[in-house]
Amino acid sequence: MSQRRFYLACYDISDDKRLRGALKLVRAHAVGGQKSAHEVMLSVAERTVLLEEMSYLLDMEEDRFLLITLDPRSRITTLGVAVAPLPQDFFYIG
């Protein structure tokens, strides 16, 4: 099983239909987040697929998408009743 890295996926999309598509696409990999910023854990292959699918979805003249690699040495801090994400060998989507 390939190792996953922690990313922050953010987007600014002007069209409601594309916005819903981007939300669905990112949330398929999300371990946390809100509104248009989500924490995702991706393998190299999953990252490639996400970027490719997002490029088909977005209008490059109007929309923006940012995928930032987070430093794996950083400590995860949560507020309130939030539970810190744990690295997993698999994700169940369904």
N, C-alpha and C. Protein backbone atom coordinates (compact mmCIF):
# COMPACT_ATOMS: atom_id res chain seq x y z
N MET A 1 0.86 -1.17 0.00
CA MET A 1 0.00 0.00 0.00
C MET A 1 0.90 1.23 0.00
N SER A 2 0.63 2.17 -0.88
CA SER A 2 1.45 3.37 -0.96
C SER A 2 1.13 4.31 0.20
N GLN A 3 2.11 5.10 0.56
CA GLN A 3 1.97 6.02 1.68
C GLN A 3 1.19 7.25 1.25
N ARG A 4 0.29 7.68 2.11
CA ARG A 4 -0.49 8.88 1.84
C ARG A 4 0.18 10.08 2.50
N ARG A 5 0.00 11.25 1.86
CA ARG A 5 0.48 12.51 2.43
C ARG A 5 -0.72 13.38 2.72
N PHE A 6 -0.52 14.31 3.63
CA PHE A 6 -1.58 15.21 4.07
C PHE A 6 -1.53 16.48 3.24
N TYR A 7 -2.68 16.89 2.68
CA TYR A 7 -2.77 18.10 1.85
C TYR A 7 -3.93 18.98 2.33
N LEU A 8 -3.86 20.22 1.95
CA LEU A 8 -4.98 21.14 2.12
C LEU A 8 -5.47 21.48 0.71
N ALA A 9 -6.74 21.15 0.43
CA ALA A 9 -7.34 21.42 -0.88
C ALA A 9 -8.31 22.59 -0.72
N CYS A 10 -8.09 23.66 -1.50
CA CYS A 10 -8.92 24.86 -1.44
C CYS A 10 -9.37 25.23 -2.85
N TYR A 11 -10.56 25.76 -2.95
CA TYR A 11 -11.03 26.17 -4.27
C TYR A 11 -11.93 27.40 -4.17
N ASP A 12 -11.99 28.14 -5.26
CA ASP A 12 -12.85 29.30 -5.42
C ASP A 12 -13.48 29.15 -6.79
N ILE A 13 -14.75 28.79 -6.82
CA ILE A 13 -15.42 28.44 -8.09
C ILE A 13 -16.66 29.31 -8.24
N SER A 14 -16.82 29.93 -9.40
CA SER A 14 -17.88 30.91 -9.61
C SER A 14 -19.23 30.31 -10.00
N ASP A 15 -19.24 29.14 -10.59
CA ASP A 15 -20.48 28.52 -11.07
C ASP A 15 -20.98 27.48 -10.07
N ASP A 16 -22.26 27.52 -9.73
CA ASP A 16 -22.81 26.61 -8.73
C ASP A 16 -22.68 25.14 -9.12
N LYS A 17 -22.88 24.83 -10.38
CA LYS A 17 -22.79 23.43 -10.84
C LYS A 17 -21.35 22.92 -10.70
N ARG A 18 -20.38 23.72 -11.12
CA ARG A 18 -18.97 23.32 -10.98
C ARG A 18 -18.56 23.27 -9.51
N LEU A 19 -19.12 24.18 -8.70
CA LEU A 19 -18.83 24.19 -7.27
C LEU A 19 -19.29 22.89 -6.62
N ARG A 20 -20.51 22.44 -6.93
CA ARG A 20 -21.00 21.18 -6.38
C ARG A 20 -20.14 20.00 -6.83
N GLY A 21 -19.70 20.03 -8.09
CA GLY A 21 -18.83 18.97 -8.59
C GLY A 21 -17.50 18.93 -7.88
N ALA A 22 -16.91 20.11 -7.65
CA ALA A 22 -15.62 20.18 -6.95
C ALA A 22 -15.78 19.72 -5.51
N LEU A 23 -16.86 20.11 -4.87
CA LEU A 23 -17.11 19.70 -3.48
C LEU A 23 -17.21 18.18 -3.39
N LYS A 24 -17.95 17.58 -4.30
CA LYS A 24 -18.11 16.12 -4.31
C LYS A 24 -16.76 15.43 -4.56
N LEU A 25 -16.00 15.96 -5.49
CA LEU A 25 -14.70 15.38 -5.84
C LEU A 25 -13.72 15.45 -4.66
N VAL A 26 -13.63 16.59 -4.01
CA VAL A 26 -12.69 16.75 -2.89
C VAL A 26 -13.16 15.98 -1.66
N ARG A 27 -14.45 16.01 -1.38
CA ARG A 27 -14.96 15.31 -0.20
C ARG A 27 -14.80 13.79 -0.29
N ALA A 28 -14.63 13.27 -1.48
CA ALA A 28 -14.38 11.83 -1.62
C ALA A 28 -13.07 11.43 -0.95
N HIS A 29 -12.17 12.40 -0.75
CA HIS A 29 -10.87 12.13 -0.14
C HIS A 29 -10.69 12.87 1.19
N ALA A 30 -11.67 13.66 1.59
CA ALA A 30 -11.50 14.53 2.75
C ALA A 30 -11.53 13.77 4.07
N VAL A 31 -10.69 14.22 4.99
CA VAL A 31 -10.72 13.73 6.36
C VAL A 31 -11.19 14.84 7.30
N GLY A 32 -11.40 16.01 6.75
CA GLY A 32 -11.87 17.14 7.54
C GLY A 32 -11.95 18.37 6.67
N GLY A 33 -12.51 19.43 7.21
CA GLY A 33 -12.58 20.67 6.46
C GLY A 33 -13.93 21.33 6.58
N GLN A 34 -14.05 22.46 5.92
CA GLN A 34 -15.31 23.19 5.92
C GLN A 34 -15.34 24.14 4.72
N LYS A 35 -16.54 24.45 4.31
CA LYS A 35 -16.77 25.34 3.16
C LYS A 35 -15.88 24.95 1.98
N SER A 36 -14.93 25.76 1.58
CA SER A 36 -14.12 25.46 0.39
C SER A 36 -12.67 25.15 0.72
N ALA A 37 -12.41 24.68 1.94
CA ALA A 37 -11.06 24.25 2.33
C ALA A 37 -11.18 22.91 3.05
N HIS A 38 -10.48 21.91 2.53
CA HIS A 38 -10.61 20.56 3.08
C HIS A 38 -9.24 19.93 3.29
N GLU A 39 -9.12 19.15 4.35
CA GLU A 39 -7.92 18.37 4.60
C GLU A 39 -8.10 17.02 3.91
N VAL A 40 -7.13 16.64 3.10
CA VAL A 40 -7.22 15.37 2.38
C VAL A 40 -5.92 14.59 2.56
N MET A 41 -6.04 13.27 2.56
CA MET A 41 -4.87 12.40 2.61
C MET A 41 -4.86 11.63 1.30
N LEU A 42 -3.78 11.80 0.52
CA LEU A 42 -3.71 11.24 -0.82
C LEU A 42 -2.40 10.51 -1.05
N SER A 43 -2.49 9.41 -1.79
CA SER A 43 -1.28 8.77 -2.30
C SER A 43 -0.86 9.54 -3.55
N VAL A 44 0.28 9.22 -4.10
CA VAL A 44 0.74 9.89 -5.32
C VAL A 44 -0.27 9.67 -6.45
N ALA A 45 -0.76 8.45 -6.58
CA ALA A 45 -1.72 8.13 -7.65
C ALA A 45 -3.04 8.87 -7.44
N GLU A 46 -3.53 8.92 -6.20
CA GLU A 46 -4.78 9.63 -5.90
C GLU A 46 -4.63 11.12 -6.16
N ARG A 47 -3.48 11.67 -5.83
CA ARG A 47 -3.22 13.10 -6.08
C ARG A 47 -3.28 13.39 -7.58
N THR A 48 -2.65 12.54 -8.37
CA THR A 48 -2.65 12.70 -9.82
C THR A 48 -4.06 12.65 -10.38
N VAL A 49 -4.85 11.69 -9.92
CA VAL A 49 -6.24 11.56 -10.40
C VAL A 49 -7.07 12.77 -9.98
N LEU A 50 -6.92 13.22 -8.73
CA LEU A 50 -7.67 14.38 -8.26
C LEU A 50 -7.36 15.61 -9.10
N LEU A 51 -6.09 15.87 -9.35
CA LEU A 51 -5.70 17.04 -10.15
C LEU A 51 -6.22 16.94 -11.58
N GLU A 52 -6.16 15.74 -12.15
CA GLU A 52 -6.65 15.55 -13.52
C GLU A 52 -8.17 15.76 -13.60
N GLU A 53 -8.91 15.15 -12.67
CA GLU A 53 -10.37 15.31 -12.67
C GLU A 53 -10.77 16.74 -12.40
N MET A 54 -10.05 17.42 -11.53
CA MET A 54 -10.36 18.82 -11.23
C MET A 54 -10.09 19.70 -12.45
N SER A 55 -9.06 19.38 -13.22
CA SER A 55 -8.75 20.18 -14.41
C SER A 55 -9.86 20.07 -15.46
N TYR A 56 -10.53 18.93 -15.53
CA TYR A 56 -11.66 18.76 -16.46
C TYR A 56 -12.89 19.51 -15.96
N LEU A 57 -13.02 19.62 -14.66
CA LEU A 57 -14.20 20.23 -14.05
C LEU A 57 -14.18 21.75 -14.09
N LEU A 58 -13.01 22.34 -13.87
CA LEU A 58 -12.91 23.79 -13.68
C LEU A 58 -12.84 24.57 -14.99
N ASP A 59 -13.31 25.80 -14.93
CA ASP A 59 -13.10 26.77 -16.01
C ASP A 59 -11.84 27.54 -15.62
N MET A 60 -10.76 27.34 -16.35
CA MET A 60 -9.47 27.92 -15.98
C MET A 60 -9.45 29.44 -16.01
N GLU A 61 -10.41 30.06 -16.68
CA GLU A 61 -10.48 31.52 -16.72
C GLU A 61 -11.17 32.09 -15.47
N GLU A 62 -12.10 31.32 -14.87
CA GLU A 62 -12.91 31.84 -13.78
C GLU A 62 -12.63 31.21 -12.43
N ASP A 63 -12.20 29.96 -12.40
CA ASP A 63 -12.09 29.21 -11.16
C ASP A 63 -10.65 29.04 -10.72
N ARG A 64 -10.48 28.74 -9.43
CA ARG A 64 -9.16 28.49 -8.87
C ARG A 64 -9.20 27.25 -7.99
N PHE A 65 -8.10 26.48 -8.02
CA PHE A 65 -7.95 25.30 -7.16
C PHE A 65 -6.52 25.27 -6.66
N LEU A 66 -6.36 25.02 -5.38
CA LEU A 66 -5.04 25.01 -4.76
C LEU A 66 -4.91 23.74 -3.92
N LEU A 67 -3.84 22.99 -4.15
CA LEU A 67 -3.56 21.78 -3.38
C LEU A 67 -2.19 21.97 -2.74
N ILE A 68 -2.16 22.14 -1.43
CA ILE A 68 -0.93 22.44 -0.70
C ILE A 68 -0.51 21.21 0.09
N THR A 69 0.75 20.81 -0.08
CA THR A 69 1.29 19.71 0.71
C THR A 69 1.60 20.24 2.11
N LEU A 70 1.07 19.58 3.12
CA LEU A 70 1.33 19.98 4.49
C LEU A 70 2.54 19.21 5.03
N ASP A 71 3.33 19.87 5.84
CA ASP A 71 4.55 19.29 6.38
C ASP A 71 4.20 18.12 7.30
N PRO A 72 4.69 16.91 6.99
CA PRO A 72 4.35 15.75 7.81
C PRO A 72 4.92 15.82 9.23
N ARG A 73 5.87 16.71 9.46
CA ARG A 73 6.44 16.86 10.80
C ARG A 73 5.57 17.74 11.70
N SER A 74 4.62 18.46 11.11
CA SER A 74 3.77 19.35 11.88
C SER A 74 2.84 18.56 12.79
N ARG A 75 2.56 19.14 13.92
CA ARG A 75 1.63 18.53 14.87
C ARG A 75 0.22 18.97 14.50
N ILE A 76 -0.72 18.04 14.50
CA ILE A 76 -2.12 18.36 14.19
C ILE A 76 -2.80 18.84 15.46
N THR A 77 -3.42 20.00 15.40
CA THR A 77 -4.12 20.58 16.54
C THR A 77 -5.59 20.68 16.18
N THR A 78 -6.45 20.24 17.08
CA THR A 78 -7.89 20.34 16.85
C THR A 78 -8.51 21.20 17.94
N LEU A 79 -9.63 21.79 17.63
CA LEU A 79 -10.35 22.63 18.59
C LEU A 79 -11.71 22.02 18.88
N GLY A 80 -12.23 22.27 20.05
CA GLY A 80 -13.56 21.79 20.40
C GLY A 80 -13.60 20.27 20.50
N VAL A 81 -14.59 19.67 19.87
CA VAL A 81 -14.78 18.22 19.93
C VAL A 81 -14.19 17.51 18.71
N ALA A 82 -13.40 18.22 17.92
CA ALA A 82 -12.82 17.63 16.71
C ALA A 82 -11.88 16.50 17.05
N VAL A 83 -11.83 15.50 16.17
CA VAL A 83 -10.95 14.35 16.34
C VAL A 83 -9.86 14.45 15.28
N ALA A 84 -8.62 14.34 15.69
CA ALA A 84 -7.50 14.42 14.75
C ALA A 84 -7.54 13.25 13.79
N PRO A 85 -7.28 13.47 12.48
CA PRO A 85 -7.28 12.38 11.51
C PRO A 85 -6.09 11.45 11.75
N LEU A 86 -6.30 10.17 11.54
CA LEU A 86 -5.26 9.19 11.70
C LEU A 86 -4.87 8.63 10.34
N PRO A 87 -3.59 8.40 10.09
CA PRO A 87 -3.18 7.76 8.84
C PRO A 87 -3.78 6.36 8.79
N GLN A 88 -4.35 6.00 7.65
CA GLN A 88 -4.98 4.70 7.50
C GLN A 88 -4.44 4.02 6.27
N ASP A 89 -4.48 2.70 6.27
CA ASP A 89 -4.05 1.93 5.11
C ASP A 89 -5.12 1.94 4.03
N PHE A 90 -6.34 2.31 4.38
CA PHE A 90 -7.41 2.33 3.40
C PHE A 90 -8.46 3.35 3.81
N PHE A 91 -9.30 3.73 2.85
CA PHE A 91 -10.45 4.58 3.10
C PHE A 91 -11.67 3.84 2.58
N TYR A 92 -12.74 3.91 3.33
CA TYR A 92 -14.01 3.35 2.86
C TYR A 92 -14.85 4.50 2.37
N ILE A 93 -15.27 4.46 1.12
CA ILE A 93 -16.12 5.49 0.53
C ILE A 93 -17.39 4.79 0.09
N GLY A 94 -18.51 5.16 0.66
CA GLY A 94 -19.74 4.51 0.23
C GLY A 94 -20.87 4.70 1.15
